[in-house]
N, C-alpha and C. Protein backbone atom coordinates (compact mmCIF):
# COMPACT_ATOMS: atom_id res chain seq x y z
N MET A 1 144.18 96.73 115.40
CA MET A 1 142.93 97.43 115.12
C MET A 1 141.90 97.16 116.21
N ALA A 2 141.78 95.90 116.61
CA ALA A 2 140.82 95.55 117.65
C ALA A 2 141.14 96.28 118.94
N ARG A 3 142.42 96.32 119.31
CA ARG A 3 142.80 96.99 120.56
C ARG A 3 142.52 98.48 120.49
N ARG A 4 142.80 99.12 119.33
CA ARG A 4 142.54 100.55 119.19
C ARG A 4 141.05 100.85 119.29
N ALA A 5 140.22 100.01 118.66
CA ALA A 5 138.77 100.21 118.73
C ALA A 5 138.27 100.05 120.15
N ALA A 6 138.78 99.04 120.85
CA ALA A 6 138.36 98.81 122.23
C ALA A 6 138.76 99.97 123.13
N LEU A 7 139.97 100.48 122.95
CA LEU A 7 140.44 101.59 123.77
C LEU A 7 139.63 102.86 123.51
N LEU A 8 139.22 103.07 122.24
CA LEU A 8 138.41 104.22 121.93
C LEU A 8 137.06 104.14 122.62
N VAL A 9 136.41 102.98 122.54
CA VAL A 9 135.11 102.82 123.19
C VAL A 9 135.24 102.94 124.69
N LEU A 10 136.29 102.35 125.27
CA LEU A 10 136.49 102.43 126.71
C LEU A 10 136.71 103.87 127.14
N SER A 11 137.47 104.66 126.38
CA SER A 11 137.70 106.06 126.71
C SER A 11 136.41 106.85 126.70
N LEU A 12 135.56 106.57 125.71
CA LEU A 12 134.27 107.26 125.67
C LEU A 12 133.40 106.89 126.85
N ALA A 13 133.41 105.60 127.21
CA ALA A 13 132.60 105.17 128.34
C ALA A 13 133.08 105.77 129.64
N LEU A 14 134.39 105.86 129.81
CA LEU A 14 134.94 106.42 131.04
C LEU A 14 134.70 107.93 131.12
N ALA A 15 134.39 108.54 129.99
CA ALA A 15 134.09 109.97 129.98
C ALA A 15 132.64 110.26 130.36
N ALA A 16 131.96 109.26 130.88
CA ALA A 16 130.53 109.39 131.19
C ALA A 16 130.17 110.62 132.00
N PRO A 17 130.96 111.01 133.03
CA PRO A 17 130.56 112.16 133.83
C PRO A 17 130.43 113.45 133.04
N VAL A 18 131.11 113.57 131.87
CA VAL A 18 131.06 114.81 131.11
C VAL A 18 130.18 114.69 129.88
N LEU A 19 129.56 113.54 129.65
CA LEU A 19 128.69 113.36 128.51
C LEU A 19 127.23 113.43 128.93
N THR A 20 126.39 113.94 128.04
CA THR A 20 124.96 113.93 128.27
C THR A 20 124.41 112.61 127.76
N ALA A 21 123.48 111.98 128.48
CA ALA A 21 123.07 110.64 128.10
C ALA A 21 121.57 110.41 128.28
N HIS A 22 121.05 109.48 127.49
CA HIS A 22 119.64 109.10 127.57
C HIS A 22 119.47 107.99 128.61
N ALA A 23 118.49 108.15 129.49
CA ALA A 23 118.32 107.22 130.60
C ALA A 23 117.38 106.08 130.24
N GLN A 24 117.64 104.90 130.80
CA GLN A 24 116.71 103.77 130.74
C GLN A 24 116.11 103.57 132.13
N ALA A 25 114.84 103.24 132.16
CA ALA A 25 114.13 103.12 133.42
C ALA A 25 113.97 101.67 133.81
N ALA A 26 113.78 101.44 135.12
CA ALA A 26 113.51 100.10 135.62
C ALA A 26 112.32 99.50 134.90
N GLY A 27 112.45 98.24 134.46
CA GLY A 27 111.38 97.57 133.74
C GLY A 27 111.51 97.64 132.23
N ASP A 28 112.39 98.52 131.72
CA ASP A 28 112.62 98.59 130.28
C ASP A 28 113.36 97.35 129.78
N TRP A 29 113.13 97.02 128.52
CA TRP A 29 113.90 96.00 127.82
C TRP A 29 114.57 96.67 126.62
N THR A 30 115.76 96.19 126.25
CA THR A 30 116.36 96.61 124.99
C THR A 30 116.75 95.38 124.19
N LEU A 31 116.66 95.52 122.87
CA LEU A 31 117.09 94.47 121.94
C LEU A 31 118.10 95.09 121.00
N ALA A 32 119.31 94.51 120.96
CA ALA A 32 120.38 95.02 120.11
C ALA A 32 120.68 94.00 119.02
N ILE A 33 120.58 94.42 117.76
CA ILE A 33 120.86 93.56 116.62
C ILE A 33 122.00 94.18 115.83
N GLY A 34 123.09 93.43 115.65
CA GLY A 34 124.24 94.02 114.96
C GLY A 34 125.21 92.97 114.44
N ALA A 35 126.45 93.38 114.31
CA ALA A 35 127.51 92.48 113.86
C ALA A 35 128.78 92.80 114.64
N HIS A 36 129.51 91.75 115.02
CA HIS A 36 130.72 91.92 115.80
C HIS A 36 131.84 91.01 115.29
N ARG A 37 133.04 91.45 115.53
CA ARG A 37 134.23 90.71 115.12
C ARG A 37 134.95 90.19 116.36
N VAL A 38 135.19 88.90 116.40
CA VAL A 38 135.97 88.28 117.47
C VAL A 38 137.42 88.23 117.02
N ALA A 39 138.27 88.99 117.69
CA ALA A 39 139.68 89.07 117.33
C ALA A 39 140.52 88.47 118.45
N PRO A 40 140.98 87.22 118.32
CA PRO A 40 141.76 86.59 119.39
C PRO A 40 143.05 87.35 119.69
N ALA A 41 143.55 87.15 120.90
CA ALA A 41 144.82 87.75 121.30
C ALA A 41 145.93 87.34 120.34
N SER A 42 146.99 88.13 120.28
CA SER A 42 148.09 87.84 119.35
C SER A 42 148.87 86.60 119.77
N ASP A 43 148.88 86.27 121.06
CA ASP A 43 149.56 85.08 121.56
C ASP A 43 148.51 84.09 122.02
N ASN A 44 148.32 83.01 121.26
CA ASN A 44 147.29 82.03 121.60
C ASN A 44 147.84 80.80 122.29
N GLY A 45 149.06 80.89 122.83
CA GLY A 45 149.63 79.79 123.57
C GLY A 45 150.41 78.83 122.70
N THR A 46 150.89 77.77 123.32
CA THR A 46 151.66 76.75 122.62
C THR A 46 151.15 75.37 122.99
N LEU A 47 151.38 74.41 122.08
CA LEU A 47 150.98 73.03 122.31
C LEU A 47 152.21 72.14 122.42
N ALA A 48 151.99 70.92 122.83
CA ALA A 48 153.06 69.91 122.92
C ALA A 48 154.23 70.41 123.75
N GLY A 49 153.92 70.89 124.95
CA GLY A 49 154.98 71.30 125.86
C GLY A 49 155.72 72.55 125.46
N GLY A 50 155.07 73.39 124.66
CA GLY A 50 155.69 74.65 124.27
C GLY A 50 156.41 74.61 122.95
N SER A 51 156.38 73.50 122.25
CA SER A 51 157.13 73.38 121.00
C SER A 51 156.34 73.80 119.77
N LEU A 52 155.01 74.00 119.93
CA LEU A 52 154.17 74.32 118.77
C LEU A 52 153.35 75.58 119.04
N PRO A 53 153.88 76.77 118.68
CA PRO A 53 153.14 78.02 118.87
C PRO A 53 151.85 78.01 118.05
N LEU A 54 150.77 78.46 118.69
CA LEU A 54 149.43 78.37 118.12
C LEU A 54 148.94 79.74 117.70
N SER A 55 148.20 79.79 116.59
CA SER A 55 147.61 81.05 116.12
C SER A 55 146.18 80.79 115.68
N ILE A 56 145.25 81.66 116.12
CA ILE A 56 143.83 81.53 115.79
C ILE A 56 143.37 82.84 115.17
N ASP A 57 142.74 82.77 113.98
CA ASP A 57 142.39 84.00 113.29
C ASP A 57 141.04 84.56 113.75
N ALA A 58 140.69 85.74 113.22
CA ALA A 58 139.49 86.46 113.63
C ALA A 58 138.28 86.01 112.82
N SER A 59 137.08 86.35 113.33
CA SER A 59 135.84 86.00 112.66
C SER A 59 134.77 87.02 113.00
N ALA A 60 133.92 87.37 112.03
CA ALA A 60 132.83 88.32 112.24
C ALA A 60 131.50 87.63 111.95
N ARG A 61 130.50 87.92 112.79
CA ARG A 61 129.18 87.30 112.63
C ARG A 61 128.09 88.24 113.17
N PRO A 62 126.82 88.02 112.78
CA PRO A 62 125.70 88.77 113.37
C PRO A 62 125.56 88.44 114.86
N THR A 63 125.10 89.43 115.62
CA THR A 63 124.93 89.25 117.07
C THR A 63 123.57 89.77 117.51
N LEU A 64 123.15 89.30 118.68
CA LEU A 64 121.87 89.68 119.28
C LEU A 64 122.08 89.81 120.78
N ALA A 65 121.60 90.90 121.36
CA ALA A 65 121.71 91.09 122.81
C ALA A 65 120.37 91.57 123.36
N LEU A 66 119.93 90.92 124.43
CA LEU A 66 118.68 91.27 125.10
C LEU A 66 119.02 91.72 126.52
N GLU A 67 118.49 92.88 126.92
CA GLU A 67 118.82 93.43 128.24
C GLU A 67 117.54 93.84 128.97
N TYR A 68 117.50 93.53 130.27
CA TYR A 68 116.39 93.93 131.12
C TYR A 68 116.93 94.84 132.22
N PHE A 69 116.25 95.97 132.44
CA PHE A 69 116.71 96.93 133.43
C PHE A 69 116.05 96.66 134.78
N VAL A 70 116.86 96.20 135.72
CA VAL A 70 116.36 95.88 137.06
C VAL A 70 116.20 97.14 137.90
N ARG A 71 116.94 98.18 137.58
CA ARG A 71 116.83 99.50 138.20
C ARG A 71 117.08 100.53 137.11
N ASP A 72 116.78 101.79 137.38
CA ASP A 72 117.11 102.83 136.41
C ASP A 72 118.58 102.75 136.07
N ASN A 73 118.88 102.63 134.78
CA ASN A 73 120.25 102.62 134.23
C ASN A 73 121.04 101.35 134.52
N LEU A 74 120.50 100.40 135.26
CA LEU A 74 121.22 99.18 135.59
C LEU A 74 120.51 97.98 134.97
N GLY A 75 121.20 97.29 134.07
CA GLY A 75 120.57 96.20 133.35
C GLY A 75 121.34 94.90 133.40
N ILE A 76 120.63 93.81 133.11
CA ILE A 76 121.23 92.49 132.96
C ILE A 76 121.09 92.11 131.49
N GLU A 77 122.21 91.83 130.84
CA GLU A 77 122.23 91.59 129.39
C GLU A 77 122.69 90.17 129.08
N LEU A 78 122.02 89.57 128.10
CA LEU A 78 122.45 88.28 127.56
C LEU A 78 122.83 88.48 126.10
N LEU A 79 124.07 88.17 125.78
CA LEU A 79 124.59 88.30 124.42
C LEU A 79 124.59 86.94 123.73
N ALA A 80 124.09 86.90 122.50
CA ALA A 80 124.12 85.69 121.67
C ALA A 80 124.62 86.07 120.29
N ALA A 81 124.95 85.05 119.48
CA ALA A 81 125.49 85.33 118.15
C ALA A 81 125.32 84.12 117.26
N ALA A 82 125.45 84.34 115.95
CA ALA A 82 125.60 83.23 115.02
C ALA A 82 126.96 82.60 115.28
N PRO A 83 127.15 81.31 114.98
CA PRO A 83 128.42 80.66 115.28
C PRO A 83 129.61 81.34 114.58
N PHE A 84 130.62 81.66 115.36
CA PHE A 84 131.87 82.18 114.81
C PHE A 84 132.73 81.00 114.34
N GLN A 85 133.52 81.24 113.29
CA GLN A 85 134.41 80.19 112.80
C GLN A 85 135.84 80.72 112.74
N HIS A 86 136.79 79.92 113.26
CA HIS A 86 138.19 80.33 113.30
C HIS A 86 139.08 79.26 112.68
N HIS A 87 140.07 79.71 111.91
CA HIS A 87 141.09 78.81 111.40
C HIS A 87 142.23 78.72 112.41
N ILE A 88 142.80 77.55 112.53
CA ILE A 88 143.86 77.29 113.51
C ILE A 88 145.16 77.01 112.76
N THR A 89 146.21 77.73 113.12
CA THR A 89 147.51 77.59 112.48
C THR A 89 148.57 77.29 113.53
N ILE A 90 149.49 76.41 113.21
CA ILE A 90 150.64 76.12 114.06
C ILE A 90 151.89 76.58 113.32
N ASP A 91 152.69 77.42 113.99
CA ASP A 91 153.91 77.92 113.38
C ASP A 91 154.79 76.76 112.92
N GLY A 92 155.22 76.83 111.66
CA GLY A 92 156.07 75.79 111.10
C GLY A 92 155.31 74.68 110.41
N LEU A 93 154.01 74.55 110.73
CA LEU A 93 153.18 73.52 110.12
C LEU A 93 152.09 74.08 109.22
N GLY A 94 151.79 75.38 109.37
CA GLY A 94 150.73 75.99 108.59
C GLY A 94 149.36 75.74 109.19
N ARG A 95 148.33 75.92 108.37
CA ARG A 95 146.96 75.73 108.84
C ARG A 95 146.70 74.25 109.07
N VAL A 96 146.18 73.94 110.28
CA VAL A 96 145.97 72.53 110.64
C VAL A 96 144.50 72.21 110.92
N GLY A 97 143.65 73.23 110.96
CA GLY A 97 142.25 72.93 111.22
C GLY A 97 141.41 74.17 111.44
N SER A 98 140.17 73.95 111.85
CA SER A 98 139.25 75.04 112.14
C SER A 98 138.25 74.58 113.20
N THR A 99 137.61 75.55 113.81
CA THR A 99 136.57 75.25 114.80
C THR A 99 135.50 76.32 114.74
N ARG A 100 134.32 75.98 115.22
CA ARG A 100 133.24 76.94 115.36
C ARG A 100 132.92 77.07 116.84
N HIS A 101 132.38 78.23 117.23
CA HIS A 101 132.02 78.37 118.64
C HIS A 101 130.86 79.34 118.81
N LEU A 102 130.16 79.15 119.93
CA LEU A 102 129.11 80.05 120.38
C LEU A 102 129.52 80.59 121.74
N PRO A 103 129.52 81.93 121.93
CA PRO A 103 130.00 82.51 123.18
C PRO A 103 128.94 83.28 123.97
N PRO A 104 127.82 82.66 124.39
CA PRO A 104 126.83 83.42 125.17
C PRO A 104 127.46 84.05 126.40
N THR A 105 127.10 85.31 126.64
CA THR A 105 127.72 86.07 127.74
C THR A 105 126.64 86.81 128.52
N LEU A 106 126.65 86.66 129.83
CA LEU A 106 125.70 87.31 130.73
C LEU A 106 126.43 88.41 131.50
N SER A 107 125.92 89.64 131.41
CA SER A 107 126.60 90.78 132.02
C SER A 107 125.65 91.64 132.83
N LEU A 108 126.19 92.23 133.88
CA LEU A 108 125.52 93.30 134.62
C LEU A 108 126.17 94.60 134.17
N GLN A 109 125.35 95.55 133.70
CA GLN A 109 125.98 96.75 133.16
C GLN A 109 125.22 98.02 133.55
N TYR A 110 126.01 99.09 133.66
CA TYR A 110 125.46 100.38 134.07
C TYR A 110 125.51 101.34 132.89
N HIS A 111 124.38 102.00 132.63
CA HIS A 111 124.26 102.99 131.57
C HIS A 111 124.22 104.37 132.22
N PHE A 112 125.13 105.24 131.81
CA PHE A 112 125.26 106.54 132.45
C PHE A 112 124.25 107.52 131.85
N GLY A 113 122.97 107.33 132.16
CA GLY A 113 121.91 108.11 131.55
C GLY A 113 121.65 109.41 132.25
N ARG A 114 121.63 110.52 131.48
CA ARG A 114 121.36 111.83 132.08
C ARG A 114 120.45 112.69 131.20
N GLY A 115 119.63 112.03 130.39
CA GLY A 115 118.60 112.76 129.67
C GLY A 115 119.03 113.40 128.37
N GLY A 116 120.11 112.93 127.75
CA GLY A 116 120.54 113.51 126.48
C GLY A 116 120.65 112.47 125.39
N ARG A 117 121.55 112.68 124.43
CA ARG A 117 121.60 111.85 123.24
C ARG A 117 122.59 110.70 123.35
N VAL A 118 123.64 110.83 124.15
CA VAL A 118 124.70 109.84 124.21
C VAL A 118 124.70 109.12 125.55
N THR A 119 124.70 107.78 125.51
CA THR A 119 124.67 106.97 126.74
C THR A 119 125.87 106.04 126.78
N PRO A 120 126.91 106.37 127.53
CA PRO A 120 128.00 105.41 127.72
C PRO A 120 127.54 104.27 128.63
N LEU A 121 128.18 103.13 128.49
CA LEU A 121 127.85 101.99 129.36
C LEU A 121 129.13 101.23 129.70
N LEU A 122 129.12 100.64 130.90
CA LEU A 122 130.19 99.76 131.34
C LEU A 122 129.55 98.52 131.95
N GLY A 123 130.11 97.34 131.67
CA GLY A 123 129.55 96.12 132.21
C GLY A 123 130.61 95.07 132.49
N ALA A 124 130.22 94.09 133.28
CA ALA A 124 131.10 92.95 133.58
C ALA A 124 130.22 91.74 133.80
N GLY A 125 130.75 90.57 133.47
CA GLY A 125 129.95 89.37 133.64
C GLY A 125 130.75 88.11 133.39
N VAL A 126 130.03 87.07 132.93
CA VAL A 126 130.64 85.76 132.74
C VAL A 126 130.34 85.27 131.33
N ASN A 127 131.32 84.63 130.73
CA ASN A 127 131.19 84.09 129.38
C ASN A 127 131.31 82.57 129.40
N TYR A 128 130.44 81.92 128.63
CA TYR A 128 130.55 80.49 128.39
C TYR A 128 130.76 80.29 126.89
N THR A 129 131.78 79.55 126.51
CA THR A 129 132.05 79.31 125.10
C THR A 129 132.02 77.81 124.81
N ALA A 130 131.17 77.43 123.87
CA ALA A 130 131.07 76.04 123.44
C ALA A 130 131.67 75.90 122.05
N PHE A 131 132.65 75.01 121.91
CA PHE A 131 133.30 74.76 120.63
C PHE A 131 132.69 73.52 119.97
N PHE A 132 132.58 73.55 118.66
CA PHE A 132 132.01 72.40 117.95
C PHE A 132 132.45 72.49 116.47
N GLY A 133 132.18 71.43 115.74
CA GLY A 133 132.45 71.42 114.30
C GLY A 133 133.92 71.50 113.95
N GLU A 134 134.80 70.96 114.81
CA GLU A 134 136.22 71.01 114.50
C GLU A 134 136.55 70.19 113.25
N ARG A 135 137.42 70.73 112.42
CA ARG A 135 137.90 70.03 111.23
C ARG A 135 139.43 70.12 111.18
N THR A 136 140.04 69.13 110.57
CA THR A 136 141.50 69.12 110.47
C THR A 136 141.92 69.14 109.00
N GLU A 137 143.12 69.64 108.78
CA GLU A 137 143.70 69.69 107.44
C GLU A 137 145.22 69.78 107.59
N GLY A 138 145.92 69.77 106.47
CA GLY A 138 147.37 69.90 106.49
C GLY A 138 148.02 68.81 107.32
N ALA A 139 148.89 69.21 108.24
CA ALA A 139 149.66 68.25 109.04
C ALA A 139 148.77 67.40 109.94
N LEU A 140 147.56 67.87 110.25
CA LEU A 140 146.66 67.10 111.12
C LEU A 140 145.51 66.45 110.35
N ALA A 141 145.57 66.46 109.03
CA ALA A 141 144.49 65.89 108.22
C ALA A 141 144.22 64.44 108.64
N GLY A 142 142.93 64.12 108.86
CA GLY A 142 142.55 62.78 109.27
C GLY A 142 142.55 62.55 110.76
N SER A 143 143.06 63.52 111.53
CA SER A 143 143.08 63.40 112.99
C SER A 143 141.78 63.93 113.59
N ASP A 144 141.52 63.56 114.83
CA ASP A 144 140.33 64.01 115.56
C ASP A 144 140.72 65.16 116.48
N LEU A 145 140.32 66.38 116.13
CA LEU A 145 140.65 67.57 116.90
C LEU A 145 139.45 67.98 117.74
N THR A 146 139.65 68.23 119.04
CA THR A 146 138.59 68.73 119.91
C THR A 146 139.09 69.87 120.76
N LEU A 147 138.23 70.86 120.98
CA LEU A 147 138.50 71.97 121.88
C LEU A 147 137.44 71.95 122.98
N ALA A 148 137.87 71.96 124.22
CA ALA A 148 136.95 71.87 125.36
C ALA A 148 136.22 73.18 125.58
N GLU A 149 135.05 73.09 126.21
CA GLU A 149 134.29 74.28 126.57
C GLU A 149 135.07 75.16 127.54
N SER A 150 134.67 76.44 127.60
CA SER A 150 135.40 77.41 128.42
C SER A 150 134.43 78.27 129.22
N TRP A 151 134.79 78.55 130.48
CA TRP A 151 134.11 79.53 131.31
C TRP A 151 135.11 80.62 131.67
N GLY A 152 134.69 81.88 131.64
CA GLY A 152 135.61 82.95 132.00
C GLY A 152 134.89 84.27 132.22
N LEU A 153 135.62 85.26 132.68
CA LEU A 153 135.07 86.59 132.90
C LEU A 153 134.97 87.36 131.59
N ALA A 154 134.14 88.39 131.61
CA ALA A 154 133.97 89.25 130.44
C ALA A 154 133.77 90.69 130.88
N ALA A 155 134.24 91.63 130.06
CA ALA A 155 134.06 93.06 130.33
C ALA A 155 133.48 93.72 129.08
N HIS A 156 132.72 94.78 129.29
CA HIS A 156 132.00 95.41 128.19
C HIS A 156 132.03 96.93 128.37
N ALA A 157 132.29 97.66 127.27
CA ALA A 157 132.23 99.12 127.27
C ALA A 157 131.67 99.57 125.94
N GLY A 158 130.85 100.62 125.97
CA GLY A 158 130.28 101.10 124.72
C GLY A 158 129.55 102.42 124.89
N ILE A 159 129.01 102.89 123.78
CA ILE A 159 128.17 104.09 123.80
C ILE A 159 126.94 103.83 122.94
N ASP A 160 125.78 104.32 123.40
CA ASP A 160 124.55 104.33 122.63
C ASP A 160 124.29 105.76 122.18
N ILE A 161 124.03 105.94 120.88
CA ILE A 161 123.73 107.26 120.33
C ILE A 161 122.28 107.25 119.87
N ALA A 162 121.45 108.02 120.54
CA ALA A 162 120.01 108.04 120.24
C ALA A 162 119.78 108.53 118.81
N LEU A 163 118.87 107.83 118.10
CA LEU A 163 118.58 108.18 116.71
C LEU A 163 117.16 108.69 116.53
N GLY A 164 116.47 108.94 117.62
CA GLY A 164 115.09 109.39 117.56
C GLY A 164 114.15 108.27 117.93
N GLY A 165 113.01 108.61 118.55
CA GLY A 165 112.09 107.59 119.02
C GLY A 165 112.75 106.76 120.11
N ARG A 166 112.66 105.43 119.98
CA ARG A 166 113.25 104.55 120.98
C ARG A 166 114.41 103.73 120.40
N GLY A 167 114.99 104.22 119.31
CA GLY A 167 116.11 103.54 118.67
C GLY A 167 117.43 104.24 118.94
N ALA A 168 118.53 103.46 118.88
CA ALA A 168 119.86 104.01 119.10
C ALA A 168 120.90 103.19 118.35
N LEU A 169 122.01 103.80 118.03
CA LEU A 169 123.17 103.11 117.46
C LEU A 169 124.15 102.83 118.58
N ARG A 170 124.55 101.58 118.72
CA ARG A 170 125.53 101.20 119.74
C ARG A 170 126.87 100.86 119.09
N ILE A 171 127.93 101.43 119.62
CA ILE A 171 129.30 101.08 119.24
C ILE A 171 129.97 100.56 120.50
N ASP A 172 130.49 99.33 120.46
CA ASP A 172 130.97 98.74 121.71
C ASP A 172 132.13 97.79 121.49
N ALA A 173 132.74 97.44 122.60
CA ALA A 173 133.85 96.48 122.61
C ALA A 173 133.77 95.65 123.88
N ARG A 174 134.14 94.38 123.75
CA ARG A 174 134.18 93.47 124.89
C ARG A 174 135.53 92.78 124.93
N TRP A 175 135.89 92.35 126.14
CA TRP A 175 137.02 91.44 126.30
C TRP A 175 136.50 90.20 127.00
N MET A 176 136.91 89.03 126.50
CA MET A 176 136.45 87.77 127.07
C MET A 176 137.63 86.87 127.40
N ASP A 177 137.57 86.24 128.56
CA ASP A 177 138.59 85.28 128.99
C ASP A 177 138.16 83.90 128.48
N ILE A 178 138.76 83.47 127.37
CA ILE A 178 138.41 82.19 126.76
C ILE A 178 139.67 81.33 126.62
N ASP A 179 139.74 80.26 127.39
CA ASP A 179 140.83 79.30 127.32
C ASP A 179 140.24 77.92 127.09
N SER A 180 140.82 77.17 126.16
CA SER A 180 140.26 75.86 125.81
C SER A 180 141.35 74.81 125.75
N ARG A 181 141.10 73.66 126.40
CA ARG A 181 142.04 72.54 126.34
C ARG A 181 141.93 71.85 124.98
N VAL A 182 143.06 71.62 124.35
CA VAL A 182 143.11 71.05 122.99
C VAL A 182 143.52 69.59 123.06
N ARG A 183 142.77 68.74 122.35
CA ARG A 183 143.11 67.33 122.23
C ARG A 183 143.15 66.92 120.76
N VAL A 184 144.09 66.07 120.42
CA VAL A 184 144.18 65.49 119.08
C VAL A 184 144.21 63.98 119.25
N ASP A 185 143.22 63.30 118.64
CA ASP A 185 143.07 61.85 118.77
C ASP A 185 143.05 61.42 120.24
N GLY A 186 142.42 62.25 121.06
CA GLY A 186 142.26 61.93 122.48
C GLY A 186 143.41 62.33 123.37
N ALA A 187 144.54 62.72 122.79
CA ALA A 187 145.73 63.09 123.58
C ALA A 187 145.72 64.59 123.87
N ALA A 188 145.93 64.94 125.15
CA ALA A 188 145.96 66.35 125.54
C ALA A 188 147.25 66.99 125.03
N LEU A 189 147.10 68.10 124.28
CA LEU A 189 148.27 68.78 123.72
C LEU A 189 148.58 70.10 124.41
N GLY A 190 147.63 70.65 125.15
CA GLY A 190 147.86 71.93 125.80
C GLY A 190 146.59 72.77 125.78
N THR A 191 146.75 74.07 126.03
CA THR A 191 145.63 74.99 126.13
C THR A 191 145.74 76.11 125.13
N ALA A 192 144.66 76.35 124.41
CA ALA A 192 144.58 77.51 123.51
C ALA A 192 144.06 78.70 124.30
N ARG A 193 144.84 79.77 124.35
CA ARG A 193 144.43 81.00 125.03
C ARG A 193 143.88 81.94 123.95
N ILE A 194 142.58 82.05 123.86
CA ILE A 194 141.97 82.85 122.80
C ILE A 194 141.78 84.30 123.25
N ASP A 195 141.23 84.51 124.44
CA ASP A 195 141.13 85.82 125.11
C ASP A 195 140.88 86.97 124.13
N PRO A 196 139.75 86.95 123.40
CA PRO A 196 139.58 87.92 122.33
C PRO A 196 139.04 89.28 122.76
N TRP A 197 139.29 90.28 121.91
CA TRP A 197 138.50 91.51 121.89
C TRP A 197 137.36 91.27 120.92
N VAL A 198 136.18 91.69 121.30
CA VAL A 198 134.99 91.56 120.45
C VAL A 198 134.44 92.96 120.24
N TYR A 199 134.43 93.44 119.01
CA TYR A 199 134.02 94.81 118.78
C TYR A 199 133.12 94.93 117.56
N GLY A 200 132.25 95.93 117.57
CA GLY A 200 131.34 96.10 116.45
C GLY A 200 130.29 97.15 116.74
N ALA A 201 129.14 97.01 116.05
CA ALA A 201 128.06 97.98 116.18
C ALA A 201 126.72 97.27 116.11
N ALA A 202 125.69 97.91 116.66
CA ALA A 202 124.35 97.31 116.67
C ALA A 202 123.29 98.40 116.71
N TRP A 203 122.11 98.08 116.20
CA TRP A 203 120.93 98.92 116.35
C TRP A 203 120.21 98.45 117.61
N VAL A 204 119.88 99.39 118.49
CA VAL A 204 119.26 99.07 119.79
C VAL A 204 117.87 99.68 119.85
N TRP A 205 116.91 98.84 120.21
CA TRP A 205 115.53 99.28 120.35
C TRP A 205 115.08 99.07 121.79
N THR A 206 114.52 100.12 122.40
CA THR A 206 114.01 100.05 123.77
C THR A 206 112.50 99.83 123.75
N PHE A 207 112.03 98.89 124.55
CA PHE A 207 110.58 98.63 124.60
C PHE A 207 110.15 98.28 126.02
């Protein structure tokens, strides 16, 4: 589902030359308030030298994005969110723990504005993910689980649909490169490849 949603948004964004769009001017700010779902890749890597396949589930939370337009249609956006929470499962062992994370992302993005109702956008940037609040259960109950911070690239595609005045509905999808080194009781077990699609909707206000 996440991949289909992302491909739909990307297709709409790539159709920018044939869509009519509302322009943003240099000096404008936008504030986007919405909700997004972080859906990790289907293959999250293996631990202990490849013997323990890892699985991390999805999570949805409220999000906030602030963007400043340095030129007409070209903006710098900072994405923030409430902490996402994911359960961690190891094949053959079941659920072994959970973690929370914050994924602030800074992007440079272009809005294909041409004076109409629909504004596709494409962006790219960098993501920083901080993990915290790890808990263990099941086979790892009582152990100390830690996931290291992650830096990686991020891509963004979406459409803004003007709703009148200076408000718009945004439907968008992101891909983030998130890899985290996993330790249990201080011992390095391997790397979790999360690499999620992040998709959802937001209300956008220009000021």
